[in-house]
N, C-alpha and C. Protein backbone atom coordinates (compact mmCIF):
# COMPACT_ATOMS: atom_id res chain seq x y z
N MET A 1 21.29 16.32 2.40
CA MET A 1 20.80 15.06 2.92
C MET A 1 19.27 15.09 3.05
N PHE A 2 18.74 16.22 3.52
CA PHE A 2 17.31 16.35 3.68
C PHE A 2 16.59 16.21 2.33
N SER A 3 17.18 16.78 1.27
CA SER A 3 16.54 16.69 -0.05
C SER A 3 16.53 15.25 -0.55
N LYS A 4 17.55 14.46 -0.23
CA LYS A 4 17.57 13.04 -0.65
C LYS A 4 16.46 12.26 0.05
N ILE A 5 16.26 12.53 1.33
CA ILE A 5 15.20 11.85 2.07
C ILE A 5 13.83 12.26 1.53
N LEU A 6 13.68 13.53 1.20
CA LEU A 6 12.43 14.03 0.65
C LEU A 6 12.12 13.38 -0.70
N VAL A 7 13.13 13.25 -1.57
CA VAL A 7 12.95 12.64 -2.88
C VAL A 7 12.61 11.16 -2.72
N LEU A 8 13.31 10.47 -1.81
CA LEU A 8 13.05 9.05 -1.58
C LEU A 8 11.62 8.85 -1.05
N SER A 9 11.18 9.72 -0.15
CA SER A 9 9.81 9.63 0.37
C SER A 9 8.79 9.85 -0.73
N ALA A 10 9.05 10.80 -1.61
CA ALA A 10 8.13 11.08 -2.71
C ALA A 10 8.06 9.89 -3.66
N LEU A 11 9.21 9.26 -3.95
CA LEU A 11 9.22 8.08 -4.83
C LEU A 11 8.46 6.92 -4.20
N LEU A 12 8.64 6.69 -2.91
CA LEU A 12 7.92 5.62 -2.24
C LEU A 12 6.42 5.88 -2.23
N ALA A 13 6.02 7.14 -2.03
CA ALA A 13 4.60 7.47 -2.03
C ALA A 13 4.01 7.27 -3.43
N ALA A 14 4.72 7.64 -4.46
CA ALA A 14 4.24 7.46 -5.83
C ALA A 14 4.14 5.98 -6.19
N ALA A 15 5.12 5.19 -5.76
CA ALA A 15 5.09 3.75 -6.05
C ALA A 15 3.95 3.08 -5.29
N ASN A 16 3.65 3.56 -4.11
CA ASN A 16 2.58 2.99 -3.29
C ASN A 16 1.20 3.35 -3.84
N ALA A 17 1.08 4.49 -4.53
CA ALA A 17 -0.21 4.94 -5.04
C ALA A 17 -0.69 4.06 -6.17
N GLY A 18 0.18 3.49 -6.97
CA GLY A 18 -0.21 2.62 -8.06
C GLY A 18 -0.72 3.42 -9.25
N PRO A 19 -1.13 2.71 -10.32
CA PRO A 19 -1.62 3.39 -11.52
C PRO A 19 -2.96 4.06 -11.25
N LEU A 20 -3.29 5.04 -12.06
CA LEU A 20 -4.54 5.78 -11.90
C LEU A 20 -5.73 4.86 -12.16
N GLY A 21 -6.79 5.09 -11.44
CA GLY A 21 -8.00 4.30 -11.64
C GLY A 21 -8.11 3.10 -10.72
N PHE A 22 -7.08 2.76 -10.02
CA PHE A 22 -7.14 1.62 -9.12
C PHE A 22 -7.04 2.10 -7.69
N GLY A 23 -7.94 1.65 -6.87
CA GLY A 23 -7.91 1.99 -5.46
C GLY A 23 -7.27 0.87 -4.67
N PRO A 24 -7.21 1.02 -3.39
CA PRO A 24 -6.63 -0.03 -2.56
C PRO A 24 -7.55 -1.26 -2.51
N ALA A 25 -6.97 -2.41 -2.27
CA ALA A 25 -7.74 -3.63 -2.14
C ALA A 25 -8.53 -3.59 -0.83
N VAL A 26 -9.69 -4.22 -0.84
CA VAL A 26 -10.54 -4.25 0.35
C VAL A 26 -10.75 -5.69 0.74
N SER A 27 -10.57 -5.99 2.01
CA SER A 27 -10.80 -7.32 2.51
C SER A 27 -11.50 -7.21 3.85
N SER A 28 -12.46 -8.08 4.10
CA SER A 28 -13.16 -8.04 5.38
C SER A 28 -13.47 -9.44 5.83
N GLN A 29 -13.64 -9.61 7.13
CA GLN A 29 -14.05 -10.90 7.67
C GLN A 29 -14.89 -10.67 8.91
N ASN A 30 -15.71 -11.66 9.22
CA ASN A 30 -16.60 -11.56 10.36
C ASN A 30 -16.74 -12.94 10.95
N ILE A 31 -16.47 -13.09 12.23
CA ILE A 31 -16.59 -14.38 12.90
C ILE A 31 -17.44 -14.18 14.14
N ILE A 32 -18.45 -15.01 14.27
CA ILE A 32 -19.30 -14.97 15.46
C ILE A 32 -19.17 -16.32 16.15
N ARG A 33 -18.68 -16.31 17.37
CA ARG A 33 -18.51 -17.56 18.12
C ARG A 33 -19.69 -17.74 19.06
N HIS A 34 -20.19 -18.97 19.10
CA HIS A 34 -21.31 -19.29 19.96
C HIS A 34 -20.90 -20.26 21.07
N ASP A 35 -19.63 -20.60 21.17
CA ASP A 35 -19.21 -21.62 22.13
C ASP A 35 -18.72 -21.05 23.44
N GLU A 36 -18.66 -19.74 23.59
CA GLU A 36 -18.20 -19.13 24.83
C GLU A 36 -19.39 -18.57 25.60
N PRO A 37 -19.41 -18.76 26.93
CA PRO A 37 -20.52 -18.20 27.71
C PRO A 37 -20.45 -16.68 27.73
N ALA A 38 -21.59 -16.09 28.01
CA ALA A 38 -21.64 -14.63 28.11
C ALA A 38 -20.77 -14.18 29.28
N PRO A 39 -20.00 -13.11 29.15
CA PRO A 39 -19.10 -12.69 30.22
C PRO A 39 -19.85 -12.10 31.41
N TYR A 40 -21.11 -11.74 31.26
CA TYR A 40 -21.89 -11.17 32.34
C TYR A 40 -23.35 -11.50 32.10
N GLY A 41 -24.19 -11.25 33.08
CA GLY A 41 -25.61 -11.51 32.94
C GLY A 41 -26.02 -12.74 33.72
N PRO A 42 -27.31 -13.10 33.65
CA PRO A 42 -27.83 -14.22 34.44
C PRO A 42 -27.17 -15.55 34.09
N GLU A 43 -26.84 -15.75 32.80
CA GLU A 43 -26.23 -17.01 32.40
C GLU A 43 -24.86 -17.19 33.06
N ALA A 44 -24.10 -16.13 33.19
CA ALA A 44 -22.76 -16.23 33.74
C ALA A 44 -22.78 -16.44 35.25
N GLN A 45 -23.82 -15.98 35.93
CA GLN A 45 -23.87 -16.12 37.39
C GLN A 45 -24.02 -17.56 37.82
N PHE A 46 -24.71 -18.39 37.05
CA PHE A 46 -24.98 -19.76 37.44
C PHE A 46 -24.13 -20.77 36.69
N ALA A 47 -23.25 -20.30 35.81
CA ALA A 47 -22.42 -21.22 35.04
C ALA A 47 -21.30 -21.74 35.93
N ALA A 48 -21.09 -23.06 35.89
CA ALA A 48 -20.02 -23.67 36.66
C ALA A 48 -19.28 -24.64 35.76
N PRO A 49 -17.96 -24.68 35.82
CA PRO A 49 -17.22 -25.61 34.97
C PRO A 49 -17.44 -27.06 35.40
N VAL A 50 -17.45 -27.95 34.44
CA VAL A 50 -17.60 -29.38 34.72
C VAL A 50 -16.22 -29.91 35.05
N ALA A 51 -16.06 -30.48 36.25
CA ALA A 51 -14.74 -30.91 36.71
C ALA A 51 -14.65 -32.41 36.89
N HIS A 52 -15.61 -33.17 36.39
CA HIS A 52 -15.55 -34.62 36.55
C HIS A 52 -15.39 -35.30 35.20
N TYR A 53 -14.90 -36.51 35.21
CA TYR A 53 -14.67 -37.28 34.00
C TYR A 53 -15.30 -38.64 34.18
N GLU A 54 -16.21 -39.02 33.29
CA GLU A 54 -16.94 -40.27 33.41
C GLU A 54 -16.48 -41.32 32.40
N GLY A 55 -15.29 -41.18 31.86
CA GLY A 55 -14.76 -42.19 30.95
C GLY A 55 -15.05 -41.93 29.48
N HIS A 56 -15.69 -40.84 29.16
CA HIS A 56 -15.92 -40.50 27.76
C HIS A 56 -15.76 -38.99 27.57
N ASP A 57 -15.43 -38.62 26.37
CA ASP A 57 -15.26 -37.20 26.07
C ASP A 57 -16.62 -36.54 25.88
N THR A 58 -16.75 -35.37 26.40
CA THR A 58 -17.95 -34.59 26.16
C THR A 58 -17.59 -33.49 25.18
N HIS A 59 -18.47 -33.28 24.23
CA HIS A 59 -18.22 -32.28 23.20
C HIS A 59 -19.31 -31.22 23.27
N ALA A 60 -18.91 -30.01 23.11
CA ALA A 60 -19.87 -28.91 23.06
C ALA A 60 -20.64 -28.97 21.75
N HIS A 61 -21.83 -28.44 21.77
CA HIS A 61 -22.64 -28.37 20.56
C HIS A 61 -21.95 -27.41 19.59
N PRO A 62 -21.51 -27.89 18.41
CA PRO A 62 -20.80 -26.98 17.49
C PRO A 62 -21.76 -25.97 16.87
N LYS A 63 -21.42 -24.71 17.02
CA LYS A 63 -22.23 -23.63 16.44
C LYS A 63 -21.31 -22.46 16.13
N TYR A 64 -21.27 -22.05 14.87
CA TYR A 64 -20.46 -20.91 14.48
C TYR A 64 -21.03 -20.28 13.22
N GLU A 65 -20.52 -19.12 12.92
CA GLU A 65 -20.89 -18.40 11.71
C GLU A 65 -19.71 -17.52 11.32
N TYR A 66 -19.33 -17.52 10.05
CA TYR A 66 -18.27 -16.63 9.61
C TYR A 66 -18.49 -16.21 8.17
N SER A 67 -17.86 -15.13 7.81
CA SER A 67 -17.92 -14.65 6.44
C SER A 67 -16.68 -13.82 6.15
N TYR A 68 -16.32 -13.75 4.88
CA TYR A 68 -15.22 -12.89 4.46
C TYR A 68 -15.44 -12.49 3.02
N SER A 69 -14.78 -11.44 2.61
CA SER A 69 -14.85 -11.01 1.23
C SER A 69 -13.56 -10.29 0.85
N VAL A 70 -13.24 -10.35 -0.43
CA VAL A 70 -12.06 -9.68 -0.98
C VAL A 70 -12.52 -8.96 -2.24
N ALA A 71 -12.13 -7.70 -2.38
CA ALA A 71 -12.42 -6.93 -3.59
C ALA A 71 -11.17 -6.13 -3.94
N ASP A 72 -10.40 -6.63 -4.90
CA ASP A 72 -9.15 -5.99 -5.29
C ASP A 72 -9.24 -5.57 -6.76
N PRO A 73 -9.51 -4.31 -7.03
CA PRO A 73 -9.65 -3.88 -8.43
C PRO A 73 -8.34 -3.94 -9.21
N HIS A 74 -7.22 -3.90 -8.52
CA HIS A 74 -5.92 -3.94 -9.21
C HIS A 74 -5.67 -5.31 -9.83
N THR A 75 -5.95 -6.37 -9.09
CA THR A 75 -5.71 -7.72 -9.61
C THR A 75 -6.97 -8.35 -10.18
N GLY A 76 -8.13 -7.74 -9.92
CA GLY A 76 -9.37 -8.32 -10.40
C GLY A 76 -9.87 -9.45 -9.52
N ASP A 77 -9.32 -9.60 -8.34
CA ASP A 77 -9.70 -10.67 -7.41
C ASP A 77 -10.92 -10.22 -6.62
N HIS A 78 -12.07 -10.84 -6.89
CA HIS A 78 -13.31 -10.54 -6.18
C HIS A 78 -13.92 -11.86 -5.76
N LYS A 79 -14.08 -12.05 -4.44
CA LYS A 79 -14.66 -13.28 -3.94
C LYS A 79 -15.25 -13.04 -2.57
N SER A 80 -16.16 -13.93 -2.18
CA SER A 80 -16.76 -13.83 -0.85
C SER A 80 -17.22 -15.21 -0.42
N GLN A 81 -17.36 -15.39 0.88
CA GLN A 81 -17.84 -16.66 1.42
C GLN A 81 -18.59 -16.38 2.72
N HIS A 82 -19.60 -17.19 2.96
CA HIS A 82 -20.34 -17.15 4.21
C HIS A 82 -20.69 -18.59 4.57
N GLU A 83 -20.52 -18.95 5.84
CA GLU A 83 -20.86 -20.30 6.29
C GLU A 83 -21.37 -20.24 7.71
N SER A 84 -22.34 -21.09 8.02
CA SER A 84 -22.84 -21.21 9.39
C SER A 84 -23.04 -22.69 9.70
N ARG A 85 -22.86 -23.00 10.97
CA ARG A 85 -23.04 -24.38 11.42
C ARG A 85 -23.81 -24.36 12.73
N ASP A 86 -24.76 -25.27 12.83
CA ASP A 86 -25.52 -25.46 14.06
C ASP A 86 -25.65 -26.97 14.24
N GLY A 87 -24.88 -27.52 15.15
CA GLY A 87 -24.83 -28.96 15.32
C GLY A 87 -24.14 -29.60 14.13
N ASP A 88 -24.81 -30.57 13.52
CA ASP A 88 -24.22 -31.24 12.35
C ASP A 88 -24.72 -30.66 11.03
N ALA A 89 -25.48 -29.59 11.05
CA ALA A 89 -25.99 -28.97 9.82
C ALA A 89 -25.12 -27.77 9.45
N VAL A 90 -24.58 -27.80 8.25
CA VAL A 90 -23.74 -26.71 7.74
C VAL A 90 -24.42 -26.13 6.50
N HIS A 91 -24.50 -24.80 6.45
CA HIS A 91 -25.07 -24.09 5.30
C HIS A 91 -24.10 -22.99 4.91
N GLY A 92 -23.92 -22.79 3.61
CA GLY A 92 -23.04 -21.72 3.21
C GLY A 92 -23.07 -21.47 1.72
N TYR A 93 -22.29 -20.48 1.32
CA TYR A 93 -22.11 -20.18 -0.10
C TYR A 93 -20.76 -19.52 -0.28
N TYR A 94 -20.25 -19.59 -1.49
CA TYR A 94 -19.11 -18.76 -1.87
C TYR A 94 -19.30 -18.32 -3.30
N SER A 95 -18.75 -17.18 -3.63
CA SER A 95 -18.84 -16.67 -4.98
C SER A 95 -17.51 -16.07 -5.39
N LEU A 96 -17.25 -16.10 -6.69
CA LEU A 96 -16.02 -15.52 -7.20
C LEU A 96 -16.23 -15.02 -8.62
N LEU A 97 -15.44 -14.03 -8.98
CA LEU A 97 -15.48 -13.46 -10.31
C LEU A 97 -14.53 -14.25 -11.20
N GLN A 98 -15.05 -14.84 -12.27
CA GLN A 98 -14.26 -15.64 -13.20
C GLN A 98 -13.49 -14.72 -14.14
N PRO A 99 -12.43 -15.21 -14.79
CA PRO A 99 -11.65 -14.38 -15.73
C PRO A 99 -12.47 -13.83 -16.90
N ASP A 100 -13.54 -14.54 -17.30
CA ASP A 100 -14.35 -14.05 -18.41
C ASP A 100 -15.40 -13.03 -17.98
N GLY A 101 -15.42 -12.66 -16.70
CA GLY A 101 -16.35 -11.67 -16.20
C GLY A 101 -17.61 -12.25 -15.60
N SER A 102 -17.81 -13.57 -15.73
CA SER A 102 -18.98 -14.18 -15.13
C SER A 102 -18.75 -14.39 -13.63
N VAL A 103 -19.84 -14.54 -12.91
CA VAL A 103 -19.75 -14.77 -11.46
C VAL A 103 -20.24 -16.19 -11.18
N ARG A 104 -19.42 -16.94 -10.49
CA ARG A 104 -19.80 -18.29 -10.07
C ARG A 104 -20.19 -18.24 -8.60
N LYS A 105 -21.38 -18.73 -8.30
CA LYS A 105 -21.84 -18.79 -6.91
C LYS A 105 -22.20 -20.24 -6.60
N VAL A 106 -21.66 -20.76 -5.51
CA VAL A 106 -21.91 -22.12 -5.09
C VAL A 106 -22.61 -22.07 -3.73
N GLU A 107 -23.81 -22.61 -3.67
CA GLU A 107 -24.54 -22.72 -2.42
C GLU A 107 -24.46 -24.18 -1.97
N TYR A 108 -24.12 -24.41 -0.71
CA TYR A 108 -23.94 -25.78 -0.25
C TYR A 108 -24.56 -26.00 1.12
N THR A 109 -24.91 -27.25 1.36
CA THR A 109 -25.41 -27.71 2.65
C THR A 109 -24.80 -29.06 2.95
N ALA A 110 -24.69 -29.37 4.21
CA ALA A 110 -24.20 -30.69 4.63
C ALA A 110 -24.85 -31.04 5.95
N ASP A 111 -25.34 -32.27 6.04
CA ASP A 111 -25.88 -32.77 7.30
C ASP A 111 -25.80 -34.29 7.31
N ASP A 112 -26.16 -34.89 8.44
CA ASP A 112 -26.07 -36.35 8.57
C ASP A 112 -27.07 -37.07 7.68
N HIS A 113 -28.21 -36.47 7.42
CA HIS A 113 -29.26 -37.14 6.66
C HIS A 113 -29.01 -37.10 5.15
N ASN A 114 -28.63 -35.93 4.61
CA ASN A 114 -28.49 -35.76 3.15
C ASN A 114 -27.05 -35.75 2.66
N GLY A 115 -26.07 -35.71 3.54
CA GLY A 115 -24.68 -35.62 3.11
C GLY A 115 -24.36 -34.22 2.61
N PHE A 116 -23.39 -34.11 1.71
CA PHE A 116 -22.98 -32.82 1.17
C PHE A 116 -23.68 -32.59 -0.17
N ASN A 117 -24.30 -31.43 -0.33
CA ASN A 117 -24.95 -31.07 -1.58
C ASN A 117 -24.55 -29.65 -1.95
N ALA A 118 -24.25 -29.46 -3.23
CA ALA A 118 -23.86 -28.13 -3.71
C ALA A 118 -24.63 -27.82 -4.99
N VAL A 119 -25.04 -26.57 -5.12
CA VAL A 119 -25.71 -26.09 -6.32
C VAL A 119 -24.86 -24.94 -6.86
N VAL A 120 -24.48 -25.04 -8.14
CA VAL A 120 -23.62 -24.04 -8.77
C VAL A 120 -24.44 -23.16 -9.70
N HIS A 121 -24.31 -21.85 -9.55
CA HIS A 121 -24.96 -20.88 -10.41
C HIS A 121 -23.87 -20.08 -11.13
N ASN A 122 -23.97 -19.96 -12.45
CA ASN A 122 -23.03 -19.16 -13.24
C ASN A 122 -23.78 -18.06 -13.97
N SER A 123 -23.30 -16.82 -13.83
CA SER A 123 -23.91 -15.73 -14.60
C SER A 123 -23.30 -15.75 -16.01
N ALA A 124 -23.91 -15.02 -16.90
CA ALA A 124 -23.40 -14.94 -18.27
C ALA A 124 -22.08 -14.19 -18.28
N PRO A 125 -21.14 -14.60 -19.14
CA PRO A 125 -19.86 -13.89 -19.22
C PRO A 125 -20.06 -12.46 -19.70
N SER A 126 -19.23 -11.56 -19.19
CA SER A 126 -19.32 -10.17 -19.63
C SER A 126 -18.27 -9.86 -20.69
N VAL A 127 -17.36 -10.78 -20.93
CA VAL A 127 -16.34 -10.61 -21.96
C VAL A 127 -16.64 -11.63 -23.05
N HIS A 128 -16.82 -11.16 -24.29
CA HIS A 128 -17.13 -12.06 -25.39
C HIS A 128 -15.89 -12.18 -26.28
N ILE A 129 -15.51 -13.41 -26.55
CA ILE A 129 -14.34 -13.67 -27.39
C ILE A 129 -14.83 -13.93 -28.81
N THR A 130 -14.29 -13.19 -29.76
CA THR A 130 -14.66 -13.37 -31.16
C THR A 130 -13.75 -14.41 -31.78
N PRO A 131 -14.32 -15.48 -32.34
CA PRO A 131 -13.46 -16.50 -32.94
C PRO A 131 -12.76 -15.98 -34.20
N VAL A 132 -11.57 -16.47 -34.43
CA VAL A 132 -10.79 -16.10 -35.60
C VAL A 132 -11.04 -17.14 -36.68
N HIS A 133 -11.48 -16.69 -37.86
CA HIS A 133 -11.75 -17.60 -38.97
C HIS A 133 -10.47 -17.83 -39.77
N GLY A 134 -10.43 -18.87 -40.53
CA GLY A 134 -9.23 -19.25 -41.29
C GLY A 134 -8.69 -18.14 -42.17
N ASP A 135 -9.54 -17.47 -42.96
CA ASP A 135 -9.07 -16.41 -43.86
C ASP A 135 -8.56 -15.21 -43.09
N ASP A 136 -9.22 -14.85 -41.99
CA ASP A 136 -8.79 -13.72 -41.20
C ASP A 136 -7.45 -13.99 -40.54
N TYR A 137 -7.22 -15.22 -40.15
CA TYR A 137 -6.00 -15.57 -39.47
C TYR A 137 -4.79 -15.50 -40.41
N ASN A 138 -4.99 -15.87 -41.66
CA ASN A 138 -3.88 -15.91 -42.62
C ASN A 138 -3.49 -14.52 -43.10
N GLN A 139 -4.29 -13.50 -42.85
CA GLN A 139 -3.94 -12.14 -43.26
C GLN A 139 -2.76 -11.60 -42.47
N TYR A 140 -2.54 -12.11 -41.28
CA TYR A 140 -1.51 -11.53 -40.43
C TYR A 140 -0.29 -12.32 -40.53
């Protein structure tokens, strides 16, 4: 019985390792919140919750920043994004690896004055496809 468990464990470990040359996928994220008061310090000593209602909703000043990235050599999935907001102004970018090996990066901004604007940058492809000519195609 012990040998069966040992063999099963070895098979699971080999299946989990994957083919040679590929490492584990990497993913990361980072979120910074600006809407919570500091838990200690001078700001926290004088902070008091607002307990009255004057007939309209009050909204906190929106402010945040986040980013994430994925790098998976097994599937070829490589992408990242970063965005920040301060009030009504949003700035960010995202990038991804295209199937042809080029990298697409989109930088964007949005605000009340200019609306949404995006600028797209594409790198040159790293994979070149050779076209098949009529005579070459008929040989096969």
